[in-house]
C-alpha cells in the first residue's frame, strides 16, 4: 500500500441514519482524492490495532487515547479550514489589486491619449 496523506478531516452528520447508527462520521479525504468515512468506534478499533502491532507503525508516537487522536485530527481539520479561508482572503485581495492596477492602466492610457490630442490641438492651432 502506498502512502496516503491526509488532505481533509471533517466530522460530518450521518444524513440517512438508521436507528442504532452513530450521529456523525469522520470524513477523511486523501491527497490522492480517495474518500473515507469512519465511525468513532472504527477509529478506536484502528487505534487499538496500532497499539497491538507497534512494530508495523512506520514512525512517530501514538496516543493510547482514541479521543486524543480524534481531537488532534479535528484540530488539524480546523487549522486546514483556517488556512483555506486565509488563502481565499489573499486570493480575493490579489484579485482586487489586479482590478485596481488594470483600472489605473486604463486611466493612465486615457490621460496619455488626452495629453497627446491636446498637444496636437495646440500645435495645429
C-alpha atoms as a PDB file:
ATOM      1  CA  UNK A   1       0.000   0.000   0.000  1.00  0.00           C
ATOM      2  CA  UNK A   2       1.344   3.429  -0.926  1.00  0.00           C
ATOM      3  CA  UNK A   3       1.478   6.437   1.305  1.00  0.00           C
ATOM      4  CA  UNK A   4      -1.825   8.169   1.989  1.00  0.00           C
ATOM      5  CA  UNK A   5      -1.514  11.789   3.025  1.00  0.00           C
ATOM      6  CA  UNK A   6      -4.410  13.393   4.837  1.00  0.00           C
ATOM      7  CA  UNK A   7      -5.950  16.213   2.835  1.00  0.00           C
ATOM      8  CA  UNK A   8      -9.169  16.814   4.785  1.00  0.00           C
ATOM      9  CA  UNK A   9     -10.577  15.549   8.045  1.00  0.00           C
ATOM     10  CA  UNK A  10     -14.111  16.584   8.948  1.00  0.00           C
ATOM     11  CA  UNK A  11     -16.814  15.480  11.340  1.00  0.00           C
ATOM     12  CA  UNK A  12     -19.932  15.110   9.187  1.00  0.00           C
ATOM     13  CA  UNK A  13     -23.533  14.272  10.145  1.00  0.00           C
ATOM     14  CA  UNK A  14     -24.967  10.884   9.234  1.00  0.00           C
ATOM     15  CA  UNK A  15     -27.828  12.056   6.999  1.00  0.00           C
ATOM     16  CA  UNK A  16     -29.707   8.780   6.402  1.00  0.00           C
ATOM     17  CA  UNK A  17     -29.111   7.427   9.871  1.00  0.00           C
ATOM     18  CA  UNK A  18     -30.529   4.057  10.885  1.00  0.00           C
ATOM     19  CA  UNK A  19     -31.951   3.606  14.383  1.00  0.00           C
ATOM     20  CA  UNK A  20     -28.729   2.349  16.017  1.00  0.00           C
ATOM     21  CA  UNK A  21     -26.297   4.262  13.796  1.00  0.00           C
ATOM     22  CA  UNK A  22     -23.985   6.970  15.068  1.00  0.00           C
ATOM     23  CA  UNK A  23     -24.941  10.622  14.650  1.00  0.00           C
ATOM     24  CA  UNK A  24     -21.638  11.510  12.942  1.00  0.00           C
ATOM     25  CA  UNK A  25     -18.974  10.068  10.695  1.00  0.00           C
ATOM     26  CA  UNK A  26     -15.397  11.180  10.393  1.00  0.00           C
ATOM     27  CA  UNK A  27     -14.805  12.053   6.752  1.00  0.00           C
ATOM     28  CA  UNK A  28     -11.247  11.764   5.503  1.00  0.00           C
ATOM     29  CA  UNK A  29     -10.076  12.778   2.050  1.00  0.00           C
ATOM     30  CA  UNK A  30      -6.589  11.798   0.993  1.00  0.00           C
ATOM     31  CA  UNK A  31      -4.356  13.869  -1.238  1.00  0.00           C
ATOM     32  CA  UNK A  32      -4.803  11.137  -3.859  1.00  0.00           C
ATOM     33  CA  UNK A  33      -8.530  12.002  -3.932  1.00  0.00           C
ATOM     34  CA  UNK A  34      -9.849   8.935  -2.079  1.00  0.00           C
ATOM     35  CA  UNK A  35     -12.799   9.423   0.310  1.00  0.00           C
ATOM     36  CA  UNK A  36     -13.236   7.570   3.615  1.00  0.00           C
ATOM     37  CA  UNK A  37     -15.987   7.565   6.257  1.00  0.00           C
ATOM     38  CA  UNK A  38     -15.190   6.223   9.730  1.00  0.00           C
ATOM     39  CA  UNK A  39     -17.245   5.898  12.882  1.00  0.00           C
ATOM     40  CA  UNK A  40     -15.626   6.809  16.186  1.00  0.00           C
ATOM     41  CA  UNK A  41     -15.651   3.088  17.076  1.00  0.00           C
ATOM     42  CA  UNK A  42     -13.796   2.296  13.809  1.00  0.00           C
ATOM     43  CA  UNK A  43     -11.157   4.911  14.676  1.00  0.00           C
ATOM     44  CA  UNK A  44     -10.902   3.456  18.180  1.00  0.00           C
ATOM     45  CA  UNK A  45     -10.544  -0.060  16.758  1.00  0.00           C
ATOM     46  CA  UNK A  46      -7.829   1.131  14.360  1.00  0.00           C
ATOM     47  CA  UNK A  47      -6.014   2.771  17.266  1.00  0.00           C
ATOM     48  CA  UNK A  48      -6.223  -0.420  19.339  1.00  0.00           C
ATOM     49  CA  UNK A  49      -4.853  -2.429  16.403  1.00  0.00           C
ATOM     50  CA  UNK A  50      -1.977   0.021  16.085  1.00  0.00           C
ATOM     51  CA  UNK A  51      -1.225  -0.276  19.800  1.00  0.00           C
ATOM     52  CA  UNK A  52      -1.131  -4.094  19.500  1.00  0.00           C
ATOM     53  CA  UNK A  53       1.088  -4.000  16.401  1.00  0.00           C
ATOM     54  CA  UNK A  54       3.545  -1.216  17.153  1.00  0.00           C
ATOM     55  CA  UNK A  55       6.216  -2.914  15.047  1.00  0.00           C
ATOM     56  CA  UNK A  56       4.141  -2.110  11.945  1.00  0.00           C
ATOM     57  CA  UNK A  57       3.977   1.625  12.642  1.00  0.00           C
ATOM     58  CA  UNK A  58       6.468   3.462  10.382  1.00  0.00           C
ATOM     59  CA  UNK A  59       7.425   6.290  12.735  1.00  0.00           C
ATOM     60  CA  UNK A  60       6.038   8.633  15.303  1.00  0.00           C
ATOM     61  CA  UNK A  61       4.314   8.254  18.575  1.00  0.00           C
ATOM     62  CA  UNK A  62       0.730   7.076  19.033  1.00  0.00           C
ATOM     63  CA  UNK A  63      -1.562   8.228  21.742  1.00  0.00           C
ATOM     64  CA  UNK A  64      -3.243   5.500  23.788  1.00  0.00           C
ATOM     65  CA  UNK A  65      -6.385   7.584  23.918  1.00  0.00           C
ATOM     66  CA  UNK A  66      -8.593   7.461  20.752  1.00  0.00           C
ATOM     67  CA  UNK A  67     -10.336  10.668  21.851  1.00  0.00           C
ATOM     68  CA  UNK A  68      -6.975  12.478  21.693  1.00  0.00           C
ATOM     69  CA  UNK A  69      -6.412  11.184  18.171  1.00  0.00           C
ATOM     70  CA  UNK A  70      -9.858  12.405  17.126  1.00  0.00           C
ATOM     71  CA  UNK A  71      -9.207  15.736  18.868  1.00  0.00           C
ATOM     72  CA  UNK A  72      -5.865  16.121  17.090  1.00  0.00           C
ATOM     73  CA  UNK A  73      -7.408  15.286  13.723  1.00  0.00           C
ATOM     74  CA  UNK A  74     -10.244  17.746  14.299  1.00  0.00           C
ATOM     75  CA  UNK A  75      -7.713  20.429  15.266  1.00  0.00           C
ATOM     76  CA  UNK A  76      -5.819  19.662  12.071  1.00  0.00           C
ATOM     77  CA  UNK A  77      -9.056  19.981  10.121  1.00  0.00           C
ATOM     78  CA  UNK A  78      -9.794  23.322  11.802  1.00  0.00           C
ATOM     79  CA  UNK A  79      -6.276  24.534  11.040  1.00  0.00           C
ATOM     80  CA  UNK A  80      -6.665  23.464   7.394  1.00  0.00           C
ATOM     81  CA  UNK A  81     -10.011  25.276   7.251  1.00  0.00           C
ATOM     82  CA  UNK A  82      -8.434  28.429   8.685  1.00  0.00           C
ATOM     83  CA  UNK A  83      -5.581  28.202   6.166  1.00  0.00           C
ATOM     84  CA  UNK A  84      -8.125  27.726   3.377  1.00  0.00           C
ATOM     85  CA  UNK A  85     -10.051  30.821   4.495  1.00  0.00           C
ATOM     86  CA  UNK A  86      -6.807  32.788   4.728  1.00  0.00           C
ATOM     87  CA  UNK A  87      -5.810  31.642   1.243  1.00  0.00           C
ATOM     88  CA  UNK A  88      -9.207  32.716  -0.100  1.00  0.00           C
ATOM     89  CA  UNK A  89      -8.787  36.130   1.540  1.00  0.00           C
ATOM     90  CA  UNK A  90      -5.332  36.517  -0.033  1.00  0.00           C
ATOM     91  CA  UNK A  91      -6.694  35.447  -3.415  1.00  0.00           C
ATOM     92  CA  UNK A  92      -9.511  37.987  -3.100  1.00  0.00           C
ATOM     93  CA  UNK A  93      -7.027  40.709  -2.148  1.00  0.00           C
ATOM     94  CA  UNK A  94      -4.819  39.803  -5.139  1.00  0.00           C
ATOM     95  CA  UNK A  95      -7.840  39.954  -7.432  1.00  0.00           C
ATOM     96  CA  UNK A  96      -8.814  43.362  -6.038  1.00  0.00           C
ATOM     97  CA  UNK A  97      -5.255  44.634  -6.573  1.00  0.00           C
ATOM     98  CA  UNK A  98      -5.302  43.269 -10.124  1.00  0.00           C
ATOM     99  CA  UNK A  99      -8.565  45.129 -10.798  1.00  0.00           C
ATOM    100  CA  UNK A 100      -7.108  48.373  -9.393  1.00  0.00           C
ATOM    101  CA  UNK A 101      -3.923  48.073 -11.454  1.00  0.00           C
ATOM    102  CA  UNK A 102      -5.966  47.374 -14.570  1.00  0.00           C
ATOM    103  CA  UNK A 103      -8.133  50.426 -13.837  1.00  0.00           C
ATOM    104  CA  UNK A 104      -5.045  52.611 -13.296  1.00  0.00           C
ATOM    105  CA  UNK A 105      -3.557  51.366 -16.580  1.00  0.00           C
ATOM    106  CA  UNK A 106      -6.735  52.251 -18.458  1.00  0.00           C
ATOM    107  CA  UNK A 107      -6.975  55.675 -16.795  1.00  0.00           C
ATOM    108  CA  UNK A 108      -3.276  56.297 -17.477  1.00  0.00           C
ATOM    109  CA  UNK A 109      -3.713  55.324 -21.121  1.00  0.00           C
ATOM    110  CA  UNK A 110      -6.733  57.617 -21.475  1.00  0.00           C
ATOM    111  CA  UNK A 111      -4.903  60.535 -19.819  1.00  0.00           C
ATOM    112  CA  UNK A 112      -1.897  59.975 -22.079  1.00  0.00           C
ATOM    113  CA  UNK A 113      -4.140  59.938 -25.131  1.00  0.00           C
ATOM    114  CA  UNK A 114      -5.889  63.131 -23.976  1.00  0.00           C
ATOM    115  CA  UNK A 115      -2.499  64.798 -23.450  1.00  0.00           C
ATOM    116  CA  UNK A 116      -1.330  63.780 -26.932  1.00  0.00           C
ATOM    117  CA  UNK A 117      -4.549  65.068 -28.507  1.00  0.00           C
ATOM    118  CA  UNK A 118      -4.241  68.338 -26.568  1.00  0.00           C
ATOM    119  CA  UNK A 119      -0.625  68.747 -27.777  1.00  0.00           C
ATOM    120  CA  UNK A 120      -1.722  68.076 -31.370  1.00  0.00           C
ATOM    121  CA  UNK A 121      -4.594  70.571 -30.994  1.00  0.00           C
ATOM    122  CA  UNK A 122      -2.193  73.246 -29.666  1.00  0.00           C
ATOM    123  CA  UNK A 123       0.315  72.590 -32.475  1.00  0.00           C
ATOM    124  CA  UNK A 124      -2.359  72.884 -35.197  1.00  0.00           C
ATOM    125  CA  UNK A 125      -3.959  75.981 -33.742  1.00  0.00           C
END
